Amino acid sequence: MSRFQKASHVLWHCQYHIVWTPKCRFGILKGNVGKEV
């Protein structure tokens, strides 16, 4: 299996998982959870 993924017109290799946190949810990422992240 190739380390690249492809579709009909594009070839890509993604190594990152991006999580977008809206401002109203930022308070959840405090304490132990915030330290882990």
C-alpha atoms as a PDB file:
ATOM      1  CA  MET A   1       0.000   0.000   0.000  1.00  0.00           C
ATOM      2  CA  SER A   2       1.328   3.428  -0.951  1.00  0.00           C
ATOM      3  CA  ARG A   3       1.827   6.011   1.772  1.00  0.00           C
ATOM      4  CA  PHE A   4       0.137   8.525  -0.542  1.00  0.00           C
ATOM      5  CA  GLN A   5      -3.606   8.689  -1.032  1.00  0.00           C
ATOM      6  CA  LYS A   6      -5.016   9.649  -4.389  1.00  0.00           C
ATOM      7  CA  ALA A   7      -8.187  10.590  -6.174  1.00  0.00           C
ATOM      8  CA  SER A   8      -8.834  11.179  -9.860  1.00  0.00           C
ATOM      9  CA  HIS A   9      -7.052  14.554  -9.954  1.00  0.00           C
ATOM     10  CA  VAL A  10      -4.968  14.790  -6.777  1.00  0.00           C
ATOM     11  CA  LEU A  11      -2.303  12.953  -4.771  1.00  0.00           C
ATOM     12  CA  TRP A  12      -1.696  13.733  -1.097  1.00  0.00           C
ATOM     13  CA  HIS A  13       0.134  12.613   2.023  1.00  0.00           C
ATOM     14  CA  CYS A  14      -1.337  13.963   5.264  1.00  0.00           C
ATOM     15  CA  GLN A  15       0.525  13.501   8.558  1.00  0.00           C
ATOM     16  CA  TYR A  16      -1.440  15.866  10.794  1.00  0.00           C
ATOM     17  CA  HIS A  17      -4.864  15.812  12.415  1.00  0.00           C
ATOM     18  CA  ILE A  18      -6.121  19.365  12.919  1.00  0.00           C
ATOM     19  CA  VAL A  19      -8.832  20.155  15.459  1.00  0.00           C
ATOM     20  CA  TRP A  20     -10.514  23.537  15.355  1.00  0.00           C
ATOM     21  CA  THR A  21     -11.811  24.740  18.726  1.00  0.00           C
ATOM     22  CA  PRO A  22     -14.335  27.603  18.687  1.00  0.00           C
ATOM     23  CA  LYS A  23     -13.911  30.286  21.315  1.00  0.00           C
ATOM     24  CA  CYS A  24     -17.015  29.190  23.248  1.00  0.00           C
ATOM     25  CA  ARG A  25     -15.596  25.656  23.669  1.00  0.00           C
ATOM     26  CA  PHE A  26     -12.097  26.756  24.689  1.00  0.00           C
ATOM     27  CA  GLY A  27     -13.007  26.573  28.397  1.00  0.00           C
ATOM     28  CA  ILE A  28     -13.270  22.783  28.144  1.00  0.00           C
ATOM     29  CA  LEU A  29      -9.545  22.496  27.398  1.00  0.00           C
ATOM     30  CA  LYS A  30      -8.421  23.411  30.911  1.00  0.00           C
ATOM     31  CA  GLY A  31      -6.965  21.305  33.683  1.00  0.00           C
ATOM     32  CA  ASN A  32      -5.647  17.831  32.893  1.00  0.00           C
ATOM     33  CA  VAL A  33      -7.223  17.734  29.419  1.00  0.00           C
ATOM     34  CA  GLY A  34      -5.494  20.964  28.429  1.00  0.00           C
ATOM     35  CA  LYS A  35      -2.149  19.633  29.651  1.00  0.00           C
ATOM     36  CA  GLU A  36      -2.531  16.465  27.561  1.00  0.00           C
ATOM     37  CA  VAL A  37      -3.381  18.454  24.440  1.00  0.00           C
END
